[in-house]
Amino acid sequence: MRVHQLTFAALAVAAGLSLTACQNGDADAGKSDSSSASTALSGSNTSSTGGSSDQSGAKAATGTNSGTANSGGSSSGGTGTAAGGGSDANAKVGKCSTDELEFTAKDNTIDGDPDGTVVVELTNGGGRDCTIAGYAGVDLKTNAGTVSAQRTGQQATSTILKNGKSIDFPINYPFNKSGGSGVRITGLVVTPPNETKSVTLTWPGAATLPVTDGSGSPVKVGPVGSAGQGG
């Protein structure tokens, strides 16, 4: 019986040791699993951090793209400005002033015409291109006063008059066929379109106009450019 009791006691001790070992093993396994879970969580955090990094990268890329777009916009704007500048350059060509123009009046009457014609040539001598459009003011100085020319009503066009180039306009007037002395012409006063300063020229046409009843001017003026453009 003593032998059996010792055997049972030894078995009990062995069983207790085995149980303790199992518990310790389970505890170690739990620690190992907990450590693994922590590492995985840390890895998840790292991944999340990486996600933030990716988002930052995306923002940076967006910023870059936006910057590129803005840069491109600026470039396009520059081009637009340059294109606009070219367009504006034409738009900003100043009008031809009286002081920039050289005036020449010449008789241009053709045999057989019912009226006389004087052509006034305007030459750009201002050292720059300028814009001219419309009707010039024309007054004939006579011994009976001033006779102002009436516009013919033809459509006027705008012209960029290059430096050194010329443009013409016509003055039409009736011949004095009355047999009398008529009205003697003593000078021609021309005011360029959109200008107030005038020049006085020698009248190159017939010396007199017929006397009228004052119902209207017998002198007509065409728009600048309607008498042909000189070279």
C-alpha atoms as a PDB file:
ATOM      1  CA  MET A   1       0.000   0.000   0.000  1.00  0.00           C
ATOM      2  CA  ARG A   2       2.835   2.355   0.731  1.00  0.00           C
ATOM      3  CA  VAL A   3       4.278   1.714  -2.685  1.00  0.00           C
ATOM      4  CA  HIS A   4       0.931   2.528  -4.309  1.00  0.00           C
ATOM      5  CA  GLN A   5       0.573   5.711  -2.254  1.00  0.00           C
ATOM      6  CA  LEU A   6       4.015   6.819  -3.316  1.00  0.00           C
ATOM      7  CA  THR A   7       3.169   6.022  -6.873  1.00  0.00           C
ATOM      8  CA  PHE A   8      -0.055   7.994  -6.679  1.00  0.00           C
ATOM      9  CA  ALA A   9       1.762  10.849  -5.042  1.00  0.00           C
ATOM     10  CA  ALA A  10       4.401  10.820  -7.762  1.00  0.00           C
ATOM     11  CA  LEU A  11       1.693  10.734 -10.385  1.00  0.00           C
ATOM     12  CA  ALA A  12      -0.096  13.617  -8.714  1.00  0.00           C
ATOM     13  CA  VAL A  13       3.119  15.643  -8.589  1.00  0.00           C
ATOM     14  CA  ALA A  14       3.822  14.826 -12.223  1.00  0.00           C
ATOM     15  CA  ALA A  15       0.276  15.744 -13.186  1.00  0.00           C
ATOM     16  CA  GLY A  16       0.611  19.021 -11.319  1.00  0.00           C
ATOM     17  CA  LEU A  17       3.874  19.789 -13.042  1.00  0.00           C
ATOM     18  CA  SER A  18       2.365  18.899 -16.385  1.00  0.00           C
ATOM     19  CA  LEU A  19      -0.628  21.151 -15.743  1.00  0.00           C
ATOM     20  CA  THR A  20       1.640  24.009 -14.703  1.00  0.00           C
ATOM     21  CA  ALA A  21       3.736  23.528 -17.810  1.00  0.00           C
ATOM     22  CA  CYS A  22       0.614  23.598 -19.983  1.00  0.00           C
ATOM     23  CA  GLN A  23      -0.630  26.726 -18.303  1.00  0.00           C
ATOM     24  CA  ASN A  24       2.734  28.396 -18.737  1.00  0.00           C
ATOM     25  CA  GLY A  25       2.778  27.292 -22.360  1.00  0.00           C
ATOM     26  CA  ASP A  26      -0.705  28.692 -22.909  1.00  0.00           C
ATOM     27  CA  ALA A  27       0.340  31.944 -21.265  1.00  0.00           C
ATOM     28  CA  ASP A  28       3.390  32.182 -23.484  1.00  0.00           C
ATOM     29  CA  ALA A  29       1.251  31.431 -26.497  1.00  0.00           C
ATOM     30  CA  GLY A  30      -1.158  34.178 -25.442  1.00  0.00           C
ATOM     31  CA  LYS A  31       1.718  36.583 -25.083  1.00  0.00           C
ATOM     32  CA  SER A  32       3.028  35.573 -28.472  1.00  0.00           C
ATOM     33  CA  ASP A  33      -0.403  36.051 -30.034  1.00  0.00           C
ATOM     34  CA  SER A  34      -0.813  39.397 -28.315  1.00  0.00           C
ATOM     35  CA  SER A  35       2.607  40.458 -29.568  1.00  0.00           C
ATOM     36  CA  SER A  36       1.697  39.384 -33.081  1.00  0.00           C
ATOM     37  CA  ALA A  37      -1.570  41.307 -32.911  1.00  0.00           C
ATOM     38  CA  SER A  38       0.274  44.408 -31.726  1.00  0.00           C
ATOM     39  CA  THR A  39       2.728  44.084 -34.568  1.00  0.00           C
ATOM     40  CA  ALA A  40      -0.108  43.702 -37.036  1.00  0.00           C
ATOM     41  CA  LEU A  41      -1.791  46.737 -35.540  1.00  0.00           C
ATOM     42  CA  SER A  42       1.447  48.628 -35.782  1.00  0.00           C
ATOM     43  CA  GLY A  43       1.713  47.490 -39.335  1.00  0.00           C
ATOM     44  CA  SER A  44      -1.804  48.710 -39.865  1.00  0.00           C
ATOM     45  CA  ASN A  45      -0.828  52.053 -38.415  1.00  0.00           C
ATOM     46  CA  THR A  46       2.197  52.138 -40.645  1.00  0.00           C
ATOM     47  CA  SER A  47      -0.036  51.374 -43.543  1.00  0.00           C
ATOM     48  CA  SER A  48      -2.368  54.134 -42.426  1.00  0.00           C
ATOM     49  CA  THR A  49       0.607  56.462 -42.157  1.00  0.00           C
ATOM     50  CA  GLY A  50       1.559  55.350 -45.591  1.00  0.00           C
ATOM     51  CA  GLY A  51      -1.985  56.219 -46.650  1.00  0.00           C
ATOM     52  CA  SER A  52      -1.530  59.699 -45.243  1.00  0.00           C
ATOM     53  CA  SER A  53       1.717  59.911 -47.098  1.00  0.00           C
ATOM     54  CA  ASP A  54      -0.061  58.841 -50.268  1.00  0.00           C
ATOM     55  CA  GLN A  55      -2.742  61.433 -49.686  1.00  0.00           C
ATOM     56  CA  SER A  56      -0.094  64.051 -49.147  1.00  0.00           C
ATOM     57  CA  GLY A  57       1.520  62.845 -52.313  1.00  0.00           C
ATOM     58  CA  ALA A  58      -1.795  63.115 -54.082  1.00  0.00           C
ATOM     59  CA  LYS A  59      -2.221  66.623 -52.766  1.00  0.00           C
ATOM     60  CA  ALA A  60       1.284  67.466 -53.791  1.00  0.00           C
ATOM     61  CA  ALA A  61       0.617  66.040 -57.212  1.00  0.00           C
ATOM     62  CA  THR A  62      -2.611  67.978 -57.358  1.00  0.00           C
ATOM     63  CA  GLY A  63      -0.776  71.066 -56.281  1.00  0.00           C
ATOM     64  CA  THR A  64       1.816  70.428 -58.950  1.00  0.00           C
ATOM     65  CA  ASN A  65      -0.835  69.851 -61.542  1.00  0.00           C
ATOM     66  CA  SER A  66      -2.649  72.931 -60.377  1.00  0.00           C
ATOM     67  CA  GLY A  67       0.572  74.847 -60.499  1.00  0.00           C
ATOM     68  CA  THR A  68       1.228  73.491 -63.956  1.00  0.00           C
ATOM     69  CA  ALA A  69      -2.258  74.407 -64.995  1.00  0.00           C
ATOM     70  CA  ASN A  70      -1.803  77.849 -63.562  1.00  0.00           C
ATOM     71  CA  SER A  71       1.557  78.105 -65.202  1.00  0.00           C
ATOM     72  CA  GLY A  72       0.015  76.975 -68.434  1.00  0.00           C
ATOM     73  CA  GLY A  73      -2.782  79.456 -67.883  1.00  0.00           C
ATOM     74  CA  SER A  74      -0.254  82.192 -67.390  1.00  0.00           C
ATOM     75  CA  SER A  75       1.529  81.102 -70.524  1.00  0.00           C
ATOM     76  CA  SER A  76      -1.722  81.051 -72.431  1.00  0.00           C
ATOM     77  CA  GLY A  77      -2.593  84.369 -70.888  1.00  0.00           C
ATOM     78  CA  GLY A  78       0.767  85.671 -71.992  1.00  0.00           C
ATOM     79  CA  THR A  79       0.113  84.387 -75.463  1.00  0.00           C
ATOM     80  CA  GLY A  80      -3.340  85.834 -75.320  1.00  0.00           C
ATOM     81  CA  THR A  81      -1.874  89.075 -74.150  1.00  0.00           C
ATOM     82  CA  ALA A  82       0.700  88.921 -76.924  1.00  0.00           C
ATOM     83  CA  ALA A  83      -2.024  88.120 -79.442  1.00  0.00           C
ATOM     84  CA  GLY A  84      -4.171  90.816 -77.892  1.00  0.00           C
ATOM     85  CA  GLY A  85      -1.128  93.090 -77.962  1.00  0.00           C
ATOM     86  CA  GLY A  86      -0.837  92.495 -81.699  1.00  0.00           C
ATOM     87  CA  SER A  87      -4.555  93.114 -82.103  1.00  0.00           C
ATOM     88  CA  ASP A  88      -4.344  96.093 -79.742  1.00  0.00           C
ATOM     89  CA  ALA A  89      -1.358  97.350 -81.629  1.00  0.00           C
ATOM     90  CA  ASN A  90      -3.572  97.783 -84.685  1.00  0.00           C
ATOM     91  CA  ALA A  91      -6.366  99.183 -82.565  1.00  0.00           C
ATOM     92  CA  LYS A  92      -3.968 101.609 -80.913  1.00  0.00           C
ATOM     93  CA  VAL A  93      -2.577 103.059 -84.136  1.00  0.00           C
ATOM     94  CA  GLY A  94      -3.198 106.733 -83.555  1.00  0.00           C
ATOM     95  CA  LYS A  95      -5.191 108.889 -85.910  1.00  0.00           C
ATOM     96  CA  CYS A  96      -3.380 110.936 -88.495  1.00  0.00           C
ATOM     97  CA  SER A  97      -2.949 114.444 -87.194  1.00  0.00           C
ATOM     98  CA  THR A  98      -2.740 117.556 -89.304  1.00  0.00           C
ATOM     99  CA  ASP A  99       0.885 118.102 -88.331  1.00  0.00           C
ATOM    100  CA  GLU A 100       1.860 114.625 -89.567  1.00  0.00           C
ATOM    101  CA  LEU A 101       0.328 115.057 -93.009  1.00  0.00           C
ATOM    102  CA  GLU A 102       1.653 116.758 -96.112  1.00  0.00           C
ATOM    103  CA  PHE A 103      -1.031 118.250 -98.345  1.00  0.00           C
ATOM    104  CA  THR A 104      -1.031 118.572-102.110  1.00  0.00           C
ATOM    105  CA  ALA A 105      -3.959 119.795-104.205  1.00  0.00           C
ATOM    106  CA  LYS A 106      -4.015 119.172-107.957  1.00  0.00           C
ATOM    107  CA  ASP A 107      -6.463 119.582-110.787  1.00  0.00           C
ATOM    108  CA  ASN A 108      -7.821 116.208-111.834  1.00  0.00           C
ATOM    109  CA  THR A 109     -10.515 117.308-114.246  1.00  0.00           C
ATOM    110  CA  ILE A 110     -10.973 115.085-117.267  1.00  0.00           C
ATOM    111  CA  ASP A 111     -12.053 116.615-120.553  1.00  0.00           C
ATOM    112  CA  GLY A 112     -15.728 116.075-121.088  1.00  0.00           C
ATOM    113  CA  ASP A 113     -16.652 115.873-117.414  1.00  0.00           C
ATOM    114  CA  PRO A 114     -19.679 118.014-116.518  1.00  0.00           C
ATOM    115  CA  ASP A 115     -17.952 119.211-113.319  1.00  0.00           C
ATOM    116  CA  GLY A 116     -14.438 120.085-112.370  1.00  0.00           C
ATOM    117  CA  THR A 117     -12.441 117.891-109.999  1.00  0.00           C
ATOM    118  CA  VAL A 118      -9.627 118.732-107.637  1.00  0.00           C
ATOM    119  CA  VAL A 119      -7.897 115.917-105.802  1.00  0.00           C
ATOM    120  CA  VAL A 120      -6.245 116.532-102.451  1.00  0.00           C
ATOM    121  CA  GLU A 121      -3.427 114.139-101.636  1.00  0.00           C
ATOM    122  CA  LEU A 122      -2.520 113.494 -98.016  1.00  0.00           C
ATOM    123  CA  THR A 123       0.949 112.015 -97.423  1.00  0.00           C
ATOM    124  CA  ASN A 124       1.935 110.567 -94.090  1.00  0.00           C
ATOM    125  CA  GLY A 125       5.191 112.242 -93.097  1.00  0.00           C
ATOM    126  CA  GLY A 126       4.898 111.710 -89.363  1.00  0.00           C
ATOM    127  CA  GLY A 127       7.435 108.890 -89.078  1.00  0.00           C
ATOM    128  CA  ARG A 128       4.797 106.386 -87.938  1.00  0.00           C
ATOM    129  CA  ASP A 129       1.730 104.628 -89.274  1.00  0.00           C
ATOM    130  CA  CYS A 130      -1.554 106.356 -88.520  1.00  0.00           C
ATOM    131  CA  THR A 131      -5.261 105.780 -89.035  1.00  0.00           C
ATOM    132  CA  ILE A 132      -7.411 107.975 -91.223  1.00  0.00           C
ATOM    133  CA  ALA A 133     -11.116 107.631 -91.895  1.00  0.00           C
ATOM    134  CA  GLY A 134     -14.073 109.728 -92.912  1.00  0.00           C
ATOM    135  CA  TYR A 135     -14.488 113.037 -94.649  1.00  0.00           C
ATOM    136  CA  ALA A 136     -12.111 115.955 -94.598  1.00  0.00           C
ATOM    137  CA  GLY A 137     -13.501 119.392 -94.029  1.00  0.00           C
ATOM    138  CA  VAL A 138     -13.242 121.486 -97.199  1.00  0.00           C
ATOM    139  CA  ASP A 139     -13.869 125.210 -97.490  1.00  0.00           C
ATOM    140  CA  LEU A 140     -13.274 127.359-100.543  1.00  0.00           C
ATOM    141  CA  LYS A 141     -12.296 130.902 -99.762  1.00  0.00           C
ATOM    142  CA  THR A 142     -13.835 133.294-102.280  1.00  0.00           C
ATOM    143  CA  ASN A 143     -14.235 137.009-102.787  1.00  0.00           C
ATOM    144  CA  ALA A 144     -17.847 136.552-101.665  1.00  0.00           C
ATOM    145  CA  GLY A 145     -17.109 134.606 -98.511  1.00  0.00           C
ATOM    146  CA  THR A 146     -16.486 130.998 -97.615  1.00  0.00           C
ATOM    147  CA  VAL A 147     -18.125 128.143 -99.506  1.00  0.00           C
ATOM    148  CA  SER A 148     -18.190 124.893 -97.528  1.00  0.00           C
ATOM    149  CA  ALA A 149     -18.249 121.622 -99.456  1.00  0.00           C
ATOM    150  CA  GLN A 150     -21.028 119.136 -98.810  1.00  0.00           C
ATOM    151  CA  ARG A 151     -20.364 115.434 -98.362  1.00  0.00           C
ATOM    152  CA  THR A 152     -21.330 113.138-101.199  1.00  0.00           C
ATOM    153  CA  GLY A 153     -22.737 110.533 -98.809  1.00  0.00           C
ATOM    154  CA  GLN A 154     -20.425 107.738 -99.946  1.00  0.00           C
ATOM    155  CA  GLN A 155     -19.477 105.233 -97.269  1.00  0.00           C
ATOM    156  CA  ALA A 156     -16.212 106.076 -95.569  1.00  0.00           C
ATOM    157  CA  THR A 157     -13.704 103.364 -94.655  1.00  0.00           C
ATOM    158  CA  SER A 158     -10.870 103.351 -92.149  1.00  0.00           C
ATOM    159  CA  THR A 159      -7.337 103.063 -93.502  1.00  0.00           C
ATOM    160  CA  ILE A 160      -4.003 102.585 -91.778  1.00  0.00           C
ATOM    161  CA  LEU A 161      -1.842 105.025 -93.672  1.00  0.00           C
ATOM    162  CA  LYS A 162       1.712 103.717 -93.659  1.00  0.00           C
ATOM    163  CA  ASN A 163       4.508 106.132 -93.058  1.00  0.00           C
ATOM    164  CA  GLY A 164       5.503 107.744 -96.362  1.00  0.00           C
ATOM    165  CA  LYS A 165       2.327 106.609 -98.156  1.00  0.00           C
ATOM    166  CA  SER A 166      -0.438 108.790 -99.550  1.00  0.00           C
ATOM    167  CA  ILE A 167      -4.210 108.772 -99.786  1.00  0.00           C
ATOM    168  CA  ASP A 168      -6.529 111.038-101.792  1.00  0.00           C
ATOM    169  CA  PHE A 169     -10.002 112.486-101.724  1.00  0.00           C
ATOM    170  CA  PRO A 170     -11.897 114.379-104.445  1.00  0.00           C
ATOM    171  CA  ILE A 171     -13.537 117.786-104.534  1.00  0.00           C
ATOM    172  CA  ASN A 172     -16.114 118.301-107.263  1.00  0.00           C
ATOM    173  CA  TYR A 173     -17.348 121.742-108.250  1.00  0.00           C
ATOM    174  CA  PRO A 174     -19.444 123.202-111.113  1.00  0.00           C
ATOM    175  CA  PHE A 175     -17.890 125.144-113.953  1.00  0.00           C
ATOM    176  CA  ASN A 176     -18.840 128.756-114.301  1.00  0.00           C
ATOM    177  CA  LYS A 177     -20.749 128.744-117.591  1.00  0.00           C
ATOM    178  CA  SER A 178     -22.825 131.809-116.862  1.00  0.00           C
ATOM    179  CA  GLY A 179     -20.703 134.111-118.974  1.00  0.00           C
ATOM    180  CA  GLY A 180     -20.270 136.400-115.982  1.00  0.00           C
ATOM    181  CA  SER A 181     -17.358 136.864-113.672  1.00  0.00           C
ATOM    182  CA  GLY A 182     -18.833 134.461-111.129  1.00  0.00           C
ATOM    183  CA  VAL A 183     -17.337 133.972-107.691  1.00  0.00           C
ATOM    184  CA  ARG A 184     -13.566 134.069-107.620  1.00  0.00           C
ATOM    185  CA  ILE A 185     -11.825 131.349-105.603  1.00  0.00           C
ATOM    186  CA  THR A 186      -8.890 132.628-103.554  1.00  0.00           C
ATOM    187  CA  GLY A 187      -7.870 129.572-101.517  1.00  0.00           C
ATOM    188  CA  LEU A 188      -8.631 126.054-100.346  1.00  0.00           C
ATOM    189  CA  VAL A 189      -8.867 125.224 -96.649  1.00  0.00           C
ATOM    190  CA  VAL A 190      -8.598 121.528 -95.692  1.00  0.00           C
ATOM    191  CA  THR A 191      -9.163 119.970 -92.280  1.00  0.00           C
ATOM    192  CA  PRO A 192      -8.265 116.253 -92.034  1.00  0.00           C
ATOM    193  CA  PRO A 193     -10.928 113.868 -90.680  1.00  0.00           C
ATOM    194  CA  ASN A 194     -11.376 114.041 -86.897  1.00  0.00           C
ATOM    195  CA  GLU A 195      -9.065 117.021 -86.662  1.00  0.00           C
ATOM    196  CA  THR A 196      -9.634 120.700 -85.892  1.00  0.00           C
ATOM    197  CA  LYS A 197      -6.408 122.141 -87.264  1.00  0.00           C
ATOM    198  CA  SER A 198      -6.621 123.243 -90.895  1.00  0.00           C
ATOM    199  CA  VAL A 199      -4.178 124.057 -93.671  1.00  0.00           C
ATOM    200  CA  THR A 200      -4.666 126.525 -96.481  1.00  0.00           C
ATOM    201  CA  LEU A 201      -3.640 125.499 -99.995  1.00  0.00           C
ATOM    202  CA  THR A 202      -3.542 127.183-103.339  1.00  0.00           C
ATOM    203  CA  TRP A 203      -6.633 126.325-105.365  1.00  0.00           C
ATOM    204  CA  PRO A 204      -5.519 124.488-108.541  1.00  0.00           C
ATOM    205  CA  GLY A 205      -8.891 124.274-110.302  1.00  0.00           C
ATOM    206  CA  ALA A 206     -10.932 126.723-112.313  1.00  0.00           C
ATOM    207  CA  ALA A 207     -10.677 130.305-111.121  1.00  0.00           C
ATOM    208  CA  THR A 208     -14.370 130.913-110.500  1.00  0.00           C
ATOM    209  CA  LEU A 209     -17.604 129.300-109.416  1.00  0.00           C
ATOM    210  CA  PRO A 210     -21.006 130.195-110.816  1.00  0.00           C
ATOM    211  CA  VAL A 211     -23.128 132.492-108.716  1.00  0.00           C
ATOM    212  CA  THR A 212     -25.784 130.486-106.885  1.00  0.00           C
ATOM    213  CA  ASP A 213     -29.066 131.429-105.248  1.00  0.00           C
ATOM    214  CA  GLY A 214     -27.784 130.207-101.917  1.00  0.00           C
ATOM    215  CA  SER A 215     -30.029 127.119-101.828  1.00  0.00           C
ATOM    216  CA  GLY A 216     -27.067 124.828-101.287  1.00  0.00           C
ATOM    217  CA  SER A 217     -23.380 124.382-101.844  1.00  0.00           C
ATOM    218  CA  PRO A 218     -22.394 123.510-105.402  1.00  0.00           C
ATOM    219  CA  VAL A 219     -19.125 122.029-104.080  1.00  0.00           C
ATOM    220  CA  LYS A 220     -19.013 118.341-103.067  1.00  0.00           C
ATOM    221  CA  VAL A 221     -16.349 116.358-101.213  1.00  0.00           C
ATOM    222  CA  GLY A 222     -15.886 112.575-101.199  1.00  0.00           C
ATOM    223  CA  PRO A 223     -14.533 110.485 -98.316  1.00  0.00           C
ATOM    224  CA  VAL A 224     -10.812 109.948 -97.886  1.00  0.00           C
ATOM    225  CA  GLY A 225      -9.705 107.086-100.109  1.00  0.00           C
ATOM    226  CA  SER A 226     -12.488 107.464-102.674  1.00  0.00           C
ATOM    227  CA  ALA A 227     -10.178 109.107-105.209  1.00  0.00           C
ATOM    228  CA  GLY A 228      -7.684 106.226-105.159  1.00  0.00           C
ATOM    229  CA  GLN A 229      -4.706 105.638-102.952  1.00  0.00           C
ATOM    230  CA  GLY A 230      -1.288 106.699-104.040  1.00  0.00           C
ATOM    231  CA  GLY A 231       1.915 104.747-103.506  1.00  0.00           C
END
